[in-house]
Amino acid sequence: MAQHGPIRRFLRVTDGSAAVEFTMLVPAFLGFILFAADTATSYTRQSNLWSVSQQTARIVSRHGLDAEAGARFAEEHMRIGDYTPDVVVTINEADQLVTVVVTADSAELAPFGILSRALADNISVTVSQALEPI
């Protein structure tokens, strides 16, 4: 008795149950694929926000940029299409700290909008770096 593959069996079935099963499973499968893509993209973009925040804090703490130029640097490197997260860079001379705070809309980080329904409205990243002596 010859073995037939699942595609051949699917094509031979004439009662319609295979087509019904197919139409029931495809939306669930596509939903899972979109959710996975949304999650991966959101994680990658959030990781980028974190990385650029660390770079900005390091440059400003080494006196490479002032707070205003540091914020522009971070905004330029964090741009996602037409969207730019809010960036605030502060230099606290008393505590000798540089702090970079980035606030991004979670809907802008998730391209399909599936994951943004589960996340908070905003995602915030805060990085502090010791101010190096001159």
C-alpha atoms as a PDB file:
ATOM      1  CA  MET A   1       0.000   0.000   0.000  1.00  0.00           C
ATOM      2  CA  ALA A   2       1.511   3.289  -1.073  1.00  0.00           C
ATOM      3  CA  GLN A   3       1.888   6.135   1.403  1.00  0.00           C
ATOM      4  CA  HIS A   4       0.478   9.479   0.311  1.00  0.00           C
ATOM      5  CA  GLY A   5       1.645  12.831   1.606  1.00  0.00           C
ATOM      6  CA  PRO A   6      -0.638  15.216   3.512  1.00  0.00           C
ATOM      7  CA  ILE A   7      -1.056  17.486   0.496  1.00  0.00           C
ATOM      8  CA  ARG A   8      -2.265  14.611  -1.671  1.00  0.00           C
ATOM      9  CA  ARG A   9      -4.693  13.520   1.030  1.00  0.00           C
ATOM     10  CA  PHE A  10      -5.930  17.123   1.343  1.00  0.00           C
ATOM     11  CA  LEU A  11      -6.541  17.322  -2.400  1.00  0.00           C
ATOM     12  CA  ARG A  12      -8.357  13.956  -2.452  1.00  0.00           C
ATOM     13  CA  VAL A  13     -10.813  14.769   0.351  1.00  0.00           C
ATOM     14  CA  THR A  14     -14.130  15.765  -1.181  1.00  0.00           C
ATOM     15  CA  ASP A  15     -16.397  16.176   1.827  1.00  0.00           C
ATOM     16  CA  GLY A  16     -15.247  19.720   2.639  1.00  0.00           C
ATOM     17  CA  SER A  17     -14.001  19.049   6.166  1.00  0.00           C
ATOM     18  CA  ALA A  18     -10.405  19.749   5.186  1.00  0.00           C
ATOM     19  CA  ALA A  19     -11.356  23.123   3.746  1.00  0.00           C
ATOM     20  CA  VAL A  20     -13.274  24.008   6.917  1.00  0.00           C
ATOM     21  CA  GLU A  21     -10.311  23.010   9.092  1.00  0.00           C
ATOM     22  CA  PHE A  22      -7.998  25.001   6.864  1.00  0.00           C
ATOM     23  CA  THR A  23     -10.119  28.154   7.105  1.00  0.00           C
ATOM     24  CA  MET A  24     -10.293  27.769  10.891  1.00  0.00           C
ATOM     25  CA  LEU A  25      -6.555  27.317  11.375  1.00  0.00           C
ATOM     26  CA  VAL A  26      -5.169  29.919   8.970  1.00  0.00           C
ATOM     27  CA  PRO A  27      -6.350  33.011  10.928  1.00  0.00           C
ATOM     28  CA  ALA A  28      -4.974  31.587  14.188  1.00  0.00           C
ATOM     29  CA  PHE A  29      -1.661  30.792  12.518  1.00  0.00           C
ATOM     30  CA  LEU A  30      -1.425  34.234  10.908  1.00  0.00           C
ATOM     31  CA  GLY A  31      -2.315  35.860  14.240  1.00  0.00           C
ATOM     32  CA  PHE A  32       0.498  33.954  15.911  1.00  0.00           C
ATOM     33  CA  ILE A  33       2.972  34.964  13.188  1.00  0.00           C
ATOM     34  CA  LEU A  34       1.971  38.652  13.468  1.00  0.00           C
ATOM     35  CA  PHE A  35       2.205  38.509  17.273  1.00  0.00           C
ATOM     36  CA  ALA A  36       5.704  36.994  17.047  1.00  0.00           C
ATOM     37  CA  ALA A  37       6.809  39.640  14.536  1.00  0.00           C
ATOM     38  CA  ASP A  38       5.329  42.414  16.710  1.00  0.00           C
ATOM     39  CA  THR A  39       7.120  41.083  19.780  1.00  0.00           C
ATOM     40  CA  ALA A  40      10.462  40.739  18.017  1.00  0.00           C
ATOM     41  CA  THR A  41      10.268  44.199  16.466  1.00  0.00           C
ATOM     42  CA  SER A  42       9.210  45.838  19.741  1.00  0.00           C
ATOM     43  CA  TYR A  43      12.026  44.136  21.630  1.00  0.00           C
ATOM     44  CA  THR A  44      14.584  45.180  19.012  1.00  0.00           C
ATOM     45  CA  ARG A  45      13.394  48.793  19.037  1.00  0.00           C
ATOM     46  CA  GLN A  46      13.343  48.948  22.842  1.00  0.00           C
ATOM     47  CA  SER A  47      16.869  47.517  22.882  1.00  0.00           C
ATOM     48  CA  ASN A  48      17.898  50.280  20.454  1.00  0.00           C
ATOM     49  CA  LEU A  49      16.409  52.924  22.781  1.00  0.00           C
ATOM     50  CA  TRP A  50      18.403  51.459  25.657  1.00  0.00           C
ATOM     51  CA  SER A  51      21.642  51.306  23.651  1.00  0.00           C
ATOM     52  CA  VAL A  52      21.389  54.871  22.318  1.00  0.00           C
ATOM     53  CA  SER A  53      20.540  56.111  25.826  1.00  0.00           C
ATOM     54  CA  GLN A  54      23.710  54.476  27.158  1.00  0.00           C
ATOM     55  CA  GLN A  55      25.812  55.940  24.345  1.00  0.00           C
ATOM     56  CA  THR A  56      24.360  59.400  24.904  1.00  0.00           C
ATOM     57  CA  ALA A  57      24.974  59.271  28.663  1.00  0.00           C
ATOM     58  CA  ARG A  58      28.551  58.144  28.062  1.00  0.00           C
ATOM     59  CA  ILE A  59      29.309  60.900  25.535  1.00  0.00           C
ATOM     60  CA  VAL A  60      27.765  63.631  27.705  1.00  0.00           C
ATOM     61  CA  SER A  61      29.505  62.335  30.855  1.00  0.00           C
ATOM     62  CA  ARG A  62      32.854  62.572  29.061  1.00  0.00           C
ATOM     63  CA  HIS A  63      32.045  66.211  28.137  1.00  0.00           C
ATOM     64  CA  GLY A  64      31.718  65.373  24.432  1.00  0.00           C
ATOM     65  CA  LEU A  65      28.301  67.060  24.208  1.00  0.00           C
ATOM     66  CA  ASP A  66      26.250  69.339  26.414  1.00  0.00           C
ATOM     67  CA  ALA A  67      22.747  68.302  27.555  1.00  0.00           C
ATOM     68  CA  GLU A  68      20.928  69.936  24.635  1.00  0.00           C
ATOM     69  CA  ALA A  69      23.266  68.509  21.987  1.00  0.00           C
ATOM     70  CA  GLY A  70      23.069  65.115  23.713  1.00  0.00           C
ATOM     71  CA  ALA A  71      19.274  65.154  23.455  1.00  0.00           C
ATOM     72  CA  ARG A  72      19.491  66.000  19.733  1.00  0.00           C
ATOM     73  CA  PHE A  73      22.055  63.213  19.232  1.00  0.00           C
ATOM     74  CA  ALA A  74      19.783  60.683  20.954  1.00  0.00           C
ATOM     75  CA  GLU A  75      16.657  61.798  19.062  1.00  0.00           C
ATOM     76  CA  GLU A  76      18.498  61.527  15.761  1.00  0.00           C
ATOM     77  CA  HIS A  77      19.651  57.963  16.487  1.00  0.00           C
ATOM     78  CA  MET A  78      16.315  56.806  17.940  1.00  0.00           C
ATOM     79  CA  ARG A  79      14.088  57.886  15.072  1.00  0.00           C
ATOM     80  CA  ILE A  80      11.668  55.191  13.916  1.00  0.00           C
ATOM     81  CA  GLY A  81      10.324  56.247  10.537  1.00  0.00           C
ATOM     82  CA  ASP A  82       8.584  59.575  11.165  1.00  0.00           C
ATOM     83  CA  TYR A  83       8.348  58.982  14.921  1.00  0.00           C
ATOM     84  CA  THR A  84      10.916  60.319  17.386  1.00  0.00           C
ATOM     85  CA  PRO A  85      10.725  59.392  21.085  1.00  0.00           C
ATOM     86  CA  ASP A  86      10.937  62.138  23.715  1.00  0.00           C
ATOM     87  CA  VAL A  87      14.461  62.525  25.105  1.00  0.00           C
ATOM     88  CA  VAL A  88      15.532  64.527  28.161  1.00  0.00           C
ATOM     89  CA  VAL A  89      19.208  64.781  29.084  1.00  0.00           C
ATOM     90  CA  THR A  90      20.138  66.381  32.411  1.00  0.00           C
ATOM     91  CA  ILE A  91      23.493  67.101  33.982  1.00  0.00           C
ATOM     92  CA  ASN A  92      23.409  67.290  37.773  1.00  0.00           C
ATOM     93  CA  GLU A  93      26.639  68.970  38.856  1.00  0.00           C
ATOM     94  CA  ALA A  94      25.901  68.451  42.573  1.00  0.00           C
ATOM     95  CA  ASP A  95      25.563  64.658  42.264  1.00  0.00           C
ATOM     96  CA  GLN A  96      28.020  64.443  39.347  1.00  0.00           C
ATOM     97  CA  LEU A  97      25.477  62.512  37.247  1.00  0.00           C
ATOM     98  CA  VAL A  98      24.282  62.589  33.677  1.00  0.00           C
ATOM     99  CA  THR A  99      20.765  61.196  33.258  1.00  0.00           C
ATOM    100  CA  VAL A 100      19.095  60.323  29.962  1.00  0.00           C
ATOM    101  CA  VAL A 101      15.340  59.672  30.052  1.00  0.00           C
ATOM    102  CA  VAL A 102      13.600  58.389  26.920  1.00  0.00           C
ATOM    103  CA  THR A 103       9.841  58.014  26.657  1.00  0.00           C
ATOM    104  CA  ALA A 104       8.368  56.252  23.643  1.00  0.00           C
ATOM    105  CA  ASP A 105       4.793  55.449  22.644  1.00  0.00           C
ATOM    106  CA  SER A 106       4.432  51.649  22.744  1.00  0.00           C
ATOM    107  CA  ALA A 107       2.146  51.729  19.689  1.00  0.00           C
ATOM    108  CA  GLU A 108       5.027  53.187  17.670  1.00  0.00           C
ATOM    109  CA  LEU A 109       7.358  50.364  18.736  1.00  0.00           C
ATOM    110  CA  ALA A 110       4.948  47.588  17.712  1.00  0.00           C
ATOM    111  CA  PRO A 111       4.337  47.802  13.951  1.00  0.00           C
ATOM    112  CA  PHE A 112       1.167  45.671  13.840  1.00  0.00           C
ATOM    113  CA  GLY A 113      -0.331  47.011  17.069  1.00  0.00           C
ATOM    114  CA  ILE A 114      -1.000  43.562  18.523  1.00  0.00           C
ATOM    115  CA  LEU A 115       1.556  43.747  21.319  1.00  0.00           C
ATOM    116  CA  SER A 116       0.882  47.414  22.086  1.00  0.00           C
ATOM    117  CA  ARG A 117      -2.549  46.426  23.432  1.00  0.00           C
ATOM    118  CA  ALA A 118      -0.828  44.340  26.113  1.00  0.00           C
ATOM    119  CA  LEU A 119       1.831  46.928  26.954  1.00  0.00           C
ATOM    120  CA  ALA A 120       1.490  50.196  28.806  1.00  0.00           C
ATOM    121  CA  ASP A 121       0.859  53.340  26.747  1.00  0.00           C
ATOM    122  CA  ASN A 122       4.461  54.482  27.092  1.00  0.00           C
ATOM    123  CA  ILE A 123       7.784  52.746  27.503  1.00  0.00           C
ATOM    124  CA  SER A 124      10.405  54.632  29.460  1.00  0.00           C
ATOM    125  CA  VAL A 125      14.167  54.082  29.547  1.00  0.00           C
ATOM    126  CA  THR A 126      16.363  55.837  32.128  1.00  0.00           C
ATOM    127  CA  VAL A 127      20.155  55.682  32.124  1.00  0.00           C
ATOM    128  CA  SER A 128      22.491  57.452  34.557  1.00  0.00           C
ATOM    129  CA  GLN A 129      26.249  57.797  34.174  1.00  0.00           C
ATOM    130  CA  ALA A 130      28.810  59.364  36.503  1.00  0.00           C
ATOM    131  CA  LEU A 131      30.104  62.683  35.220  1.00  0.00           C
ATOM    132  CA  GLU A 132      33.835  62.377  34.574  1.00  0.00           C
ATOM    133  CA  PRO A 133      36.132  65.083  35.959  1.00  0.00           C
ATOM    134  CA  ILE A 134      37.581  67.572  33.533  1.00  0.00           C
END
